[in-house]
């Protein structure tokens, strides 16, 4: 069993508290007026809006040393303009501020209602858990599973290169075109002269030329028949 601290008493904070206690764990919830109350949980959820995370880390960073810290911020907004805020998709910002904590990202794709109920329709609520610390992920996965939800934990922090590829949706390069040489040459596997298609290459230039000749021939025949 785990002792859990939840910083933030909003919808998500209360929903997470529900599943934590459902699994037989103990929980304490911190609101805005609890700044003098120390964090005692082994697992700490930062259930606050993204703009408030930095303040929480500044105030309580020393209390989070050695703990499993779970960031849940999602779709961060500028509350003055309600425009989206560009931030890293993982919890790397929190991890860089808490080098002595074991930082995870979870619940950022979930809604409070389906977290609290533990189901989405007839299926258990799936909770993705991301991070590099296998032991920390195992602790959080146990909390989620004991509540009847379905933890999904095969996720690691992406490297910058992988995020670049994911963002740009780059496709593999097409296979190069190949010249197989004249008939009878070692590079001509079927003994036929000219261009041959490499696997997956598509029609050769001779196919297009043949189609043009066919169209012109048909046009000439139709012209002769019309004159006759």
Protein backbone atom coordinates (compact mmCIF):
# COMPACT_ATOMS: atom_id res chain seq x y z
CA UNK A 1 0.00 0.00 0.00
CA UNK A 2 1.10 3.58 -0.60
CA UNK A 3 0.63 6.87 1.16
CA UNK A 4 -0.27 9.47 -1.45
CA UNK A 5 -0.19 13.27 -1.40
CA UNK A 6 -2.22 15.22 -3.95
CA UNK A 7 -1.35 18.88 -4.40
CA UNK A 8 -4.48 20.41 -5.85
CA UNK A 9 -8.08 19.84 -4.80
CA UNK A 10 -9.77 20.47 -8.15
CA UNK A 11 -11.72 17.98 -10.26
CA UNK A 12 -8.73 15.88 -11.21
CA UNK A 13 -7.26 16.01 -7.71
CA UNK A 14 -10.51 14.74 -6.22
CA UNK A 15 -10.88 12.08 -8.92
CA UNK A 16 -7.36 10.77 -8.28
CA UNK A 17 -8.05 10.79 -4.54
CA UNK A 18 -11.11 8.61 -5.23
CA UNK A 19 -9.19 5.87 -7.02
CA UNK A 20 -6.28 6.04 -4.56
CA UNK A 21 -8.57 5.30 -1.62
CA UNK A 22 -10.57 2.78 -3.65
CA UNK A 23 -7.43 0.69 -3.86
CA UNK A 24 -6.90 0.77 -0.09
CA UNK A 25 -4.17 3.42 -0.09
CA UNK A 26 -4.09 6.45 2.19
CA UNK A 27 -4.30 9.96 0.77
CA UNK A 28 -3.91 13.58 1.78
CA UNK A 29 -5.10 16.47 -0.40
CA UNK A 30 -3.51 19.93 -0.36
CA UNK A 31 -5.39 23.09 -1.33
CA UNK A 32 -4.14 26.64 -1.83
CA UNK A 33 -4.33 27.45 1.87
CA UNK A 34 -2.23 24.41 2.90
CA UNK A 35 1.17 25.88 2.05
CA UNK A 36 2.41 25.38 5.62
CA UNK A 37 1.36 21.74 5.71
CA UNK A 38 4.28 19.39 4.84
CA UNK A 39 4.00 16.74 2.15
CA UNK A 40 4.27 13.30 3.72
CA UNK A 41 3.22 10.97 0.90
CA UNK A 42 5.59 8.59 -0.85
CA UNK A 43 3.80 9.34 -4.11
CA UNK A 44 2.95 12.97 -4.88
CA UNK A 45 0.54 14.14 -7.61
CA UNK A 46 0.90 17.67 -8.97
CA UNK A 47 -2.82 18.11 -9.72
CA UNK A 48 -2.59 21.82 -10.51
CA UNK A 49 -2.82 23.79 -13.76
CA UNK A 50 0.44 24.05 -15.70
CA UNK A 51 1.09 27.74 -14.80
CA UNK A 52 1.00 26.79 -11.09
CA UNK A 53 3.51 23.92 -11.32
CA UNK A 54 6.60 26.14 -11.10
CA UNK A 55 5.32 27.78 -7.88
CA UNK A 56 4.60 24.41 -6.30
CA UNK A 57 8.09 23.18 -7.14
CA UNK A 58 9.65 26.35 -5.75
CA UNK A 59 7.70 26.08 -2.50
CA UNK A 60 7.93 22.32 -1.95
CA UNK A 61 10.91 21.11 -3.95
CA UNK A 62 12.88 20.11 -0.84
CA UNK A 63 9.88 18.08 0.42
CA UNK A 64 9.79 16.06 -2.81
CA UNK A 65 13.31 14.66 -2.62
CA UNK A 66 13.29 10.87 -3.04
CA UNK A 67 9.56 10.72 -3.77
CA UNK A 68 7.66 9.56 -6.82
CA UNK A 69 6.30 12.80 -8.33
CA UNK A 70 3.53 12.55 -10.92
CA UNK A 71 2.78 15.48 -13.24
CA UNK A 72 -0.71 15.45 -14.73
CA UNK A 73 -0.90 18.87 -16.45
CA UNK A 74 -2.58 18.71 -19.86
CA UNK A 75 -3.61 21.15 -22.57
CA UNK A 76 -1.95 24.06 -20.72
CA UNK A 77 -3.58 27.44 -21.25
CA UNK A 78 -2.69 31.04 -20.74
CA UNK A 79 -5.55 31.96 -18.40
CA UNK A 80 -5.37 35.62 -19.47
CA UNK A 81 -5.86 34.97 -23.19
CA UNK A 82 -7.01 31.34 -23.11
CA UNK A 83 -4.48 30.60 -25.83
CA UNK A 84 -2.57 27.34 -25.68
CA UNK A 85 0.89 27.37 -24.13
CA UNK A 86 3.75 25.62 -25.92
CA UNK A 87 5.40 23.23 -23.47
CA UNK A 88 7.23 19.89 -23.69
CA UNK A 89 4.79 16.98 -24.11
CA UNK A 90 6.42 15.04 -21.29
CA UNK A 91 7.34 15.90 -17.67
CA UNK A 92 10.96 16.77 -18.50
CA UNK A 93 10.54 20.30 -17.12
CA UNK A 94 9.50 18.90 -13.74
CA UNK A 95 12.27 16.31 -13.86
CA UNK A 96 14.91 18.98 -14.48
CA UNK A 97 13.65 20.92 -11.44
CA UNK A 98 13.56 17.81 -9.24
CA UNK A 99 16.78 15.90 -10.00
CA UNK A 100 16.51 13.90 -6.77
CA UNK A 101 12.91 12.84 -7.34
CA UNK A 102 11.50 10.09 -9.53
CA UNK A 103 9.27 11.95 -11.96
CA UNK A 104 6.46 10.42 -14.00
CA UNK A 105 3.72 11.70 -16.30
CA UNK A 106 0.22 10.23 -16.00
CA UNK A 107 -3.50 11.07 -16.16
CA UNK A 108 -2.81 13.90 -18.64
CA UNK A 109 -5.00 12.18 -21.26
CA UNK A 110 -7.82 11.30 -18.85
CA UNK A 111 -11.00 13.10 -17.83
CA UNK A 112 -11.90 13.50 -14.17
CA UNK A 113 -15.25 11.75 -14.58
CA UNK A 114 -13.82 8.57 -16.13
CA UNK A 115 -10.98 8.53 -13.59
CA UNK A 116 -13.41 8.75 -10.67
CA UNK A 117 -15.77 6.12 -12.11
CA UNK A 118 -12.94 3.85 -13.20
CA UNK A 119 -14.70 3.00 -16.45
CA UNK A 120 -15.18 4.27 -19.99
CA UNK A 121 -18.41 2.70 -21.11
CA UNK A 122 -18.06 -0.99 -20.25
CA UNK A 123 -14.25 -0.93 -20.20
CA UNK A 124 -11.90 0.00 -17.35
CA UNK A 125 -10.32 3.44 -17.64
CA UNK A 126 -6.85 3.21 -19.16
CA UNK A 127 -4.22 5.39 -17.50
CA UNK A 128 -0.99 5.89 -19.52
CA UNK A 129 2.08 6.15 -17.28
CA UNK A 130 5.28 7.60 -18.77
CA UNK A 131 8.76 7.80 -17.32
CA UNK A 132 12.21 6.23 -17.23
CA UNK A 133 12.13 4.83 -13.68
CA UNK A 134 10.74 1.28 -13.84
CA UNK A 135 10.29 1.00 -10.08
CA UNK A 136 8.39 4.30 -9.89
CA UNK A 137 6.13 3.24 -12.75
CA UNK A 138 5.48 -0.05 -11.01
CA UNK A 139 4.40 1.78 -7.83
CA UNK A 140 1.99 4.03 -9.73
CA UNK A 141 0.70 1.14 -11.86
CA UNK A 142 -0.12 -0.77 -8.67
CA UNK A 143 -2.13 2.18 -7.32
CA UNK A 144 -4.05 2.43 -10.59
CA UNK A 145 -4.64 -1.32 -10.91
CA UNK A 146 -5.89 -1.72 -7.32
CA UNK A 147 -8.62 0.80 -8.15
CA UNK A 148 -9.80 -1.34 -11.06
CA UNK A 149 -8.32 0.86 -13.78
CA UNK A 150 -5.91 -0.35 -16.47
CA UNK A 151 -2.38 1.09 -16.25
CA UNK A 152 -0.43 1.34 -19.48
CA UNK A 153 3.27 1.66 -18.76
CA UNK A 154 5.49 0.82 -21.78
CA UNK A 155 6.36 4.49 -22.31
CA UNK A 156 9.74 6.23 -21.96
CA UNK A 157 10.82 9.80 -22.42
CA UNK A 158 11.28 10.32 -26.17
CA UNK A 159 14.58 11.53 -27.54
CA UNK A 160 14.54 14.88 -29.37
CA UNK A 161 15.17 13.09 -32.65
CA UNK A 162 12.19 10.78 -32.22
CA UNK A 163 9.91 13.70 -31.37
CA UNK A 164 11.12 15.48 -34.50
CA UNK A 165 10.25 12.46 -36.63
CA UNK A 166 6.89 12.07 -34.89
CA UNK A 167 6.02 15.73 -35.37
CA UNK A 168 7.00 15.89 -39.02
CA UNK A 169 5.37 12.54 -39.96
CA UNK A 170 8.21 11.75 -42.29
CA UNK A 171 7.74 8.71 -44.50
CA UNK A 172 10.52 6.30 -45.44
CA UNK A 173 12.44 7.28 -48.58
CA UNK A 174 11.21 5.52 -51.74
CA UNK A 175 13.48 2.82 -53.18
CA UNK A 176 15.91 4.13 -55.82
CA UNK A 177 15.19 3.56 -59.48
CA UNK A 178 17.51 1.00 -61.03
CA UNK A 179 18.90 0.44 -64.54
CA UNK A 180 19.30 -3.24 -65.31
CA UNK A 181 21.24 -2.77 -68.53
CA UNK A 182 20.88 -4.45 -71.91
CA UNK A 183 19.71 -7.97 -72.51
CA UNK A 184 22.13 -10.63 -71.37
CA UNK A 185 24.06 -8.33 -69.04
CA UNK A 186 24.69 -9.51 -65.46
CA UNK A 187 22.46 -6.72 -64.13
CA UNK A 188 19.44 -7.84 -66.15
CA UNK A 189 17.83 -10.71 -64.19
CA UNK A 190 15.12 -11.43 -66.77
CA UNK A 191 17.21 -10.98 -69.93
CA UNK A 192 15.06 -8.10 -71.19
CA UNK A 193 16.61 -4.81 -72.29
CA UNK A 194 15.86 -1.36 -70.99
CA UNK A 195 14.30 -0.10 -67.75
CA UNK A 196 12.88 -2.53 -65.20
CA UNK A 197 11.02 -1.70 -62.05
CA UNK A 198 12.57 -2.05 -58.65
CA UNK A 199 10.22 -3.51 -55.97
CA UNK A 200 7.50 -1.00 -55.15
CA UNK A 201 8.86 1.47 -57.71
CA UNK A 202 5.71 1.89 -59.83
CA UNK A 203 5.34 1.92 -63.66
CA UNK A 204 8.51 2.37 -65.75
CA UNK A 205 9.00 5.00 -68.40
CA UNK A 206 8.43 2.35 -71.09
CA UNK A 207 4.96 1.72 -69.72
CA UNK A 208 4.12 5.40 -70.10
CA UNK A 209 5.63 5.44 -73.61
CA UNK A 210 3.59 2.40 -74.57
CA UNK A 211 0.40 4.04 -73.35
CA UNK A 212 1.15 7.16 -75.40
CA UNK A 213 1.77 5.08 -78.54
CA UNK A 214 -1.47 3.18 -77.95
CA UNK A 215 -3.50 6.37 -77.60
CA UNK A 216 -1.95 7.88 -80.75
CA UNK A 217 -2.61 4.66 -82.71
CA UNK A 218 -6.25 4.61 -81.65
CA UNK A 219 -6.60 8.27 -82.57
CA UNK A 220 -5.15 7.57 -86.07
CA UNK A 221 -7.48 4.64 -86.63
CA UNK A 222 -10.51 6.69 -85.58
CA UNK A 223 -9.44 9.45 -88.00
CA UNK A 224 -9.13 7.00 -90.92
CA UNK A 225 -12.49 5.46 -90.15
CA UNK A 226 -14.11 8.89 -90.02
CA UNK A 227 -12.65 9.86 -93.41
CA UNK A 228 -13.80 6.59 -94.95
